[in-house]
Amino acid sequence: MKLLFDQNLSPVLVKVLADVFPQSQHVARLGLDRVQDHEVWEYAREHDYTLVSKDSDFHDLSVLYGAPPKVVWIRRGNCSTKQIELILRNKHENIKTLIYSPESSYLVIL
């Protein structure tokens, strides 16, 4: 399961979640941290990533265009990287279901 973390999330998540989300990447490591959301969207679609973000932009694109790519929208206020890690670990099965479900486009995590 390949996740692509948006710029509003720490690049550290790639390493600390490698055991449950191998082959994940962060937009900064791919040189996508300063491009428009639509370009990140296209990259994720072309390279089979599931986008993970804390803002609504990718969720909105998902509603507009559907999948791929699929989107995980973390709707939490300020929280630490460790808290985000724990949230994603706790929602691992939900994210897996999203990725493998042909009907689903996004997952909102409250």
N, C-alpha and C. Protein backbone atom coordinates (compact mmCIF):
# COMPACT_ATOMS: atom_id res chain seq x y z
N MET A 1 0.84 -1.18 0.00
CA MET A 1 0.00 0.00 0.00
C MET A 1 0.88 1.23 0.00
N LYS A 2 0.77 2.01 -1.04
CA LYS A 2 1.61 3.17 -1.24
C LYS A 2 0.83 4.44 -0.92
N LEU A 3 1.30 5.16 0.08
CA LEU A 3 0.69 6.44 0.42
C LEU A 3 1.60 7.56 -0.06
N LEU A 4 0.99 8.67 -0.45
CA LEU A 4 1.73 9.87 -0.80
C LEU A 4 1.29 10.96 0.17
N PHE A 5 2.21 11.34 1.07
CA PHE A 5 1.90 12.32 2.10
C PHE A 5 2.03 13.73 1.55
N ASP A 6 1.01 14.53 1.81
CA ASP A 6 0.96 15.93 1.38
C ASP A 6 1.96 16.75 2.19
N GLN A 7 2.25 17.95 1.72
CA GLN A 7 3.23 18.82 2.37
C GLN A 7 2.83 19.24 3.78
N ASN A 8 1.55 19.15 4.12
CA ASN A 8 1.13 19.52 5.47
C ASN A 8 1.36 18.41 6.49
N LEU A 9 1.96 17.33 6.06
CA LEU A 9 2.32 16.22 6.94
C LEU A 9 3.84 16.03 6.91
N SER A 10 4.37 15.53 7.99
CA SER A 10 5.82 15.38 8.11
C SER A 10 6.38 14.29 7.20
N PRO A 11 7.53 14.54 6.57
CA PRO A 11 8.21 13.49 5.80
C PRO A 11 8.64 12.31 6.65
N VAL A 12 8.74 12.50 7.95
CA VAL A 12 9.12 11.43 8.88
C VAL A 12 8.13 10.27 8.81
N LEU A 13 6.89 10.56 8.44
CA LEU A 13 5.86 9.51 8.38
C LEU A 13 6.23 8.39 7.42
N VAL A 14 6.95 8.72 6.36
CA VAL A 14 7.37 7.70 5.39
C VAL A 14 8.16 6.61 6.10
N LYS A 15 9.11 7.02 6.92
CA LYS A 15 9.98 6.06 7.61
C LYS A 15 9.26 5.33 8.74
N VAL A 16 8.54 6.07 9.58
CA VAL A 16 7.94 5.44 10.76
C VAL A 16 6.75 4.54 10.41
N LEU A 17 6.19 4.70 9.22
CA LEU A 17 5.06 3.86 8.81
C LEU A 17 5.44 2.84 7.72
N ALA A 18 6.73 2.71 7.46
CA ALA A 18 7.18 1.80 6.40
C ALA A 18 6.78 0.35 6.63
N ASP A 19 6.60 -0.04 7.88
CA ASP A 19 6.22 -1.42 8.16
C ASP A 19 4.78 -1.73 7.76
N VAL A 20 3.90 -0.74 7.78
CA VAL A 20 2.50 -0.97 7.41
C VAL A 20 2.12 -0.36 6.07
N PHE A 21 2.87 0.66 5.64
CA PHE A 21 2.61 1.30 4.35
C PHE A 21 3.93 1.40 3.57
N PRO A 22 4.44 0.24 3.12
CA PRO A 22 5.71 0.25 2.39
C PRO A 22 5.57 0.99 1.06
N GLN A 23 6.67 1.47 0.57
CA GLN A 23 6.75 2.19 -0.71
C GLN A 23 6.04 3.54 -0.69
N SER A 24 5.74 4.05 0.49
CA SER A 24 5.12 5.36 0.59
C SER A 24 6.16 6.44 0.34
N GLN A 25 5.68 7.64 0.04
CA GLN A 25 6.56 8.77 -0.24
C GLN A 25 5.95 10.05 0.30
N HIS A 26 6.76 11.07 0.36
CA HIS A 26 6.32 12.41 0.74
C HIS A 26 6.52 13.32 -0.47
N VAL A 27 5.61 14.27 -0.67
CA VAL A 27 5.70 15.14 -1.84
C VAL A 27 7.05 15.87 -1.93
N ALA A 28 7.61 16.25 -0.78
CA ALA A 28 8.89 16.97 -0.79
C ALA A 28 10.01 16.11 -1.35
N ARG A 29 10.00 14.83 -1.05
CA ARG A 29 11.06 13.94 -1.54
C ARG A 29 10.95 13.68 -3.04
N LEU A 30 9.77 13.96 -3.59
CA LEU A 30 9.55 13.77 -5.02
C LEU A 30 9.61 15.09 -5.78
N GLY A 31 9.93 16.17 -5.08
CA GLY A 31 9.98 17.47 -5.73
C GLY A 31 8.62 18.05 -6.05
N LEU A 32 7.60 17.59 -5.34
CA LEU A 32 6.23 18.03 -5.61
C LEU A 32 5.69 18.97 -4.53
N ASP A 33 6.53 19.44 -3.65
CA ASP A 33 6.06 20.25 -2.54
C ASP A 33 5.74 21.69 -2.93
N ARG A 34 6.13 22.11 -4.10
CA ARG A 34 5.87 23.49 -4.52
C ARG A 34 5.04 23.56 -5.80
N VAL A 35 4.40 22.47 -6.14
CA VAL A 35 3.56 22.46 -7.35
C VAL A 35 2.09 22.56 -6.96
N GLN A 36 1.26 22.81 -7.94
CA GLN A 36 -0.18 22.91 -7.71
C GLN A 36 -0.76 21.54 -7.31
N ASP A 37 -1.84 21.59 -6.54
CA ASP A 37 -2.48 20.34 -6.09
C ASP A 37 -2.83 19.43 -7.26
N HIS A 38 -3.25 20.00 -8.35
CA HIS A 38 -3.63 19.17 -9.51
C HIS A 38 -2.45 18.35 -10.03
N GLU A 39 -1.24 18.91 -9.96
CA GLU A 39 -0.05 18.18 -10.40
C GLU A 39 0.27 17.02 -9.44
N VAL A 40 0.09 17.26 -8.15
CA VAL A 40 0.27 16.18 -7.16
C VAL A 40 -0.76 15.10 -7.41
N TRP A 41 -2.00 15.51 -7.66
CA TRP A 41 -3.10 14.59 -7.96
C TRP A 41 -2.75 13.70 -9.15
N GLU A 42 -2.26 14.31 -10.22
CA GLU A 42 -1.91 13.55 -11.43
C GLU A 42 -0.75 12.59 -11.16
N TYR A 43 0.24 13.04 -10.40
CA TYR A 43 1.36 12.17 -10.08
C TYR A 43 0.88 10.96 -9.30
N ALA A 44 0.03 11.19 -8.30
CA ALA A 44 -0.50 10.09 -7.50
C ALA A 44 -1.30 9.12 -8.37
N ARG A 45 -2.09 9.66 -9.27
CA ARG A 45 -2.90 8.82 -10.17
C ARG A 45 -2.00 7.97 -11.07
N GLU A 46 -1.00 8.60 -11.66
CA GLU A 46 -0.12 7.91 -12.59
C GLU A 46 0.77 6.86 -11.93
N HIS A 47 1.08 7.06 -10.63
CA HIS A 47 2.00 6.16 -9.94
C HIS A 47 1.33 5.31 -8.86
N ASP A 48 0.01 5.26 -8.89
CA ASP A 48 -0.77 4.37 -8.03
C ASP A 48 -0.57 4.64 -6.53
N TYR A 49 -0.55 5.92 -6.16
CA TYR A 49 -0.47 6.30 -4.75
C TYR A 49 -1.86 6.64 -4.23
N THR A 50 -2.04 6.48 -2.93
CA THR A 50 -3.20 7.01 -2.21
C THR A 50 -2.72 8.27 -1.51
N LEU A 51 -3.39 9.38 -1.77
CA LEU A 51 -3.00 10.66 -1.18
C LEU A 51 -3.47 10.76 0.26
N VAL A 52 -2.62 11.31 1.12
CA VAL A 52 -2.95 11.55 2.53
C VAL A 52 -2.70 13.02 2.82
N SER A 53 -3.72 13.70 3.34
CA SER A 53 -3.61 15.13 3.59
C SER A 53 -4.43 15.53 4.80
N LYS A 54 -4.09 16.70 5.35
CA LYS A 54 -4.87 17.26 6.45
C LYS A 54 -5.76 18.40 5.98
N ASP A 55 -5.70 18.76 4.70
CA ASP A 55 -6.61 19.80 4.23
C ASP A 55 -7.59 19.21 3.22
N SER A 56 -8.58 19.98 2.88
CA SER A 56 -9.70 19.47 2.08
C SER A 56 -9.45 19.45 0.58
N ASP A 57 -8.35 20.00 0.11
CA ASP A 57 -8.15 20.16 -1.33
C ASP A 57 -8.25 18.85 -2.11
N PHE A 58 -7.56 17.82 -1.64
CA PHE A 58 -7.59 16.55 -2.37
C PHE A 58 -8.93 15.84 -2.21
N HIS A 59 -9.56 16.00 -1.07
CA HIS A 59 -10.91 15.46 -0.89
C HIS A 59 -11.85 16.11 -1.91
N ASP A 60 -11.74 17.40 -2.07
CA ASP A 60 -12.58 18.11 -3.03
C ASP A 60 -12.34 17.60 -4.46
N LEU A 61 -11.07 17.38 -4.81
CA LEU A 61 -10.76 16.82 -6.14
C LEU A 61 -11.34 15.42 -6.29
N SER A 62 -11.31 14.66 -5.20
CA SER A 62 -11.86 13.31 -5.22
C SER A 62 -13.36 13.32 -5.48
N VAL A 63 -14.05 14.23 -4.82
CA VAL A 63 -15.50 14.36 -5.03
C VAL A 63 -15.78 14.79 -6.47
N LEU A 64 -14.95 15.67 -7.00
CA LEU A 64 -15.14 16.19 -8.35
C LEU A 64 -14.81 15.17 -9.43
N TYR A 65 -13.66 14.48 -9.28
CA TYR A 65 -13.17 13.59 -10.33
C TYR A 65 -13.29 12.11 -10.04
N GLY A 66 -13.48 11.74 -8.77
CA GLY A 66 -13.48 10.33 -8.40
C GLY A 66 -12.07 9.77 -8.38
N ALA A 67 -11.97 8.49 -8.19
CA ALA A 67 -10.66 7.83 -8.12
C ALA A 67 -10.31 7.23 -9.47
N PRO A 68 -9.05 6.99 -9.73
CA PRO A 68 -7.89 7.23 -8.88
C PRO A 68 -7.43 8.68 -8.98
N PRO A 69 -6.61 9.11 -8.05
CA PRO A 69 -6.15 8.40 -6.86
C PRO A 69 -7.20 8.43 -5.76
N LYS A 70 -7.02 7.58 -4.81
CA LYS A 70 -7.87 7.58 -3.63
C LYS A 70 -7.26 8.56 -2.63
N VAL A 71 -8.08 9.03 -1.70
CA VAL A 71 -7.66 10.07 -0.78
C VAL A 71 -8.02 9.71 0.66
N VAL A 72 -7.06 9.93 1.56
CA VAL A 72 -7.31 9.85 3.00
C VAL A 72 -7.20 11.28 3.52
N TRP A 73 -8.31 11.78 4.05
CA TRP A 73 -8.36 13.14 4.58
C TRP A 73 -8.39 13.05 6.10
N ILE A 74 -7.34 13.53 6.74
CA ILE A 74 -7.25 13.52 8.20
C ILE A 74 -7.79 14.85 8.71
N ARG A 75 -8.97 14.81 9.28
CA ARG A 75 -9.63 16.03 9.75
C ARG A 75 -9.38 16.21 11.24
N ARG A 76 -8.17 16.52 11.57
CA ARG A 76 -7.77 16.79 12.95
C ARG A 76 -7.13 18.16 13.00
N GLY A 77 -7.26 18.81 14.12
CA GLY A 77 -6.58 20.09 14.30
C GLY A 77 -5.09 19.86 14.46
N ASN A 78 -4.45 20.77 15.14
CA ASN A 78 -3.01 20.63 15.38
C ASN A 78 -2.74 19.35 16.16
N CYS A 79 -1.85 18.55 15.63
CA CYS A 79 -1.43 17.35 16.34
C CYS A 79 -0.02 16.99 15.89
N SER A 80 0.63 16.24 16.71
CA SER A 80 2.03 15.89 16.46
C SER A 80 2.14 14.81 15.38
N THR A 81 3.35 14.67 14.88
CA THR A 81 3.63 13.61 13.91
C THR A 81 3.37 12.24 14.54
N LYS A 82 3.70 12.09 15.80
CA LYS A 82 3.43 10.83 16.51
C LYS A 82 1.94 10.55 16.55
N GLN A 83 1.13 11.56 16.79
CA GLN A 83 -0.33 11.36 16.80
C GLN A 83 -0.84 10.96 15.42
N ILE A 84 -0.32 11.59 14.38
CA ILE A 84 -0.70 11.21 13.01
C ILE A 84 -0.29 9.78 12.73
N GLU A 85 0.90 9.42 13.16
CA GLU A 85 1.36 8.03 12.99
C GLU A 85 0.38 7.06 13.64
N LEU A 86 0.00 7.33 14.88
CA LEU A 86 -0.91 6.45 15.59
C LEU A 86 -2.29 6.40 14.94
N ILE A 87 -2.76 7.53 14.45
CA ILE A 87 -4.05 7.56 13.76
C ILE A 87 -4.00 6.65 12.54
N LEU A 88 -2.94 6.78 11.74
CA LEU A 88 -2.84 5.97 10.52
C LEU A 88 -2.64 4.50 10.83
N ARG A 89 -1.90 4.21 11.87
CA ARG A 89 -1.76 2.80 12.29
C ARG A 89 -3.11 2.23 12.74
N ASN A 90 -3.84 3.01 13.52
CA ASN A 90 -5.14 2.54 14.02
C ASN A 90 -6.16 2.40 12.90
N LYS A 91 -5.99 3.14 11.83
CA LYS A 91 -6.93 3.08 10.70
C LYS A 91 -6.38 2.27 9.53
N HIS A 92 -5.35 1.51 9.79
CA HIS A 92 -4.71 0.70 8.74
C HIS A 92 -5.72 -0.14 7.97
N GLU A 93 -6.58 -0.85 8.67
CA GLU A 93 -7.57 -1.71 7.99
C GLU A 93 -8.57 -0.90 7.18
N ASN A 94 -8.97 0.27 7.70
CA ASN A 94 -9.89 1.13 6.96
C ASN A 94 -9.24 1.64 5.68
N ILE A 95 -7.96 1.99 5.78
CA ILE A 95 -7.22 2.48 4.61
C ILE A 95 -7.05 1.36 3.60
N LYS A 96 -6.76 0.18 4.08
CA LYS A 96 -6.63 -0.99 3.20
C LYS A 96 -7.95 -1.25 2.47
N THR A 97 -9.04 -1.18 3.19
CA THR A 97 -10.37 -1.35 2.58
C THR A 97 -10.61 -0.30 1.51
N LEU A 98 -10.26 0.95 1.81
CA LEU A 98 -10.40 2.03 0.82
C LEU A 98 -9.62 1.70 -0.44
N ILE A 99 -8.38 1.34 -0.28
CA ILE A 99 -7.50 1.11 -1.42
C ILE A 99 -8.01 -0.02 -2.32
N TYR A 100 -8.53 -1.07 -1.72
CA TYR A 100 -8.95 -2.23 -2.50
C TYR A 100 -10.43 -2.24 -2.88
N SER A 101 -11.16 -1.24 -2.44
CA SER A 101 -12.58 -1.16 -2.78
C SER A 101 -12.78 -0.42 -4.10
N PRO A 102 -13.39 -1.05 -5.09
CA PRO A 102 -13.59 -0.35 -6.35
C PRO A 102 -14.62 0.79 -6.28
N GLU A 103 -15.46 0.76 -5.27
CA GLU A 103 -16.51 1.77 -5.13
C GLU A 103 -16.07 3.01 -4.36
N SER A 104 -15.03 2.91 -3.57
CA SER A 104 -14.64 4.01 -2.68
C SER A 104 -13.60 4.93 -3.32
N SER A 105 -13.75 6.23 -3.03
CA SER A 105 -12.79 7.22 -3.55
C SER A 105 -11.98 7.87 -2.45
N TYR A 106 -12.59 7.98 -1.25
CA TYR A 106 -11.90 8.67 -0.17
C TYR A 106 -12.33 8.14 1.18
N LEU A 107 -11.50 8.44 2.17
CA LEU A 107 -11.75 8.08 3.56
C LEU A 107 -11.50 9.33 4.38
N VAL A 108 -12.47 9.70 5.21
CA VAL A 108 -12.32 10.83 6.11
C VAL A 108 -12.06 10.28 7.50
N ILE A 109 -10.98 10.73 8.10
CA ILE A 109 -10.63 10.30 9.46
C ILE A 109 -10.82 11.49 10.38
N LEU A 110 -11.72 11.33 11.32
CA LEU A 110 -12.02 12.40 12.28
C LEU A 110 -11.18 12.28 13.51
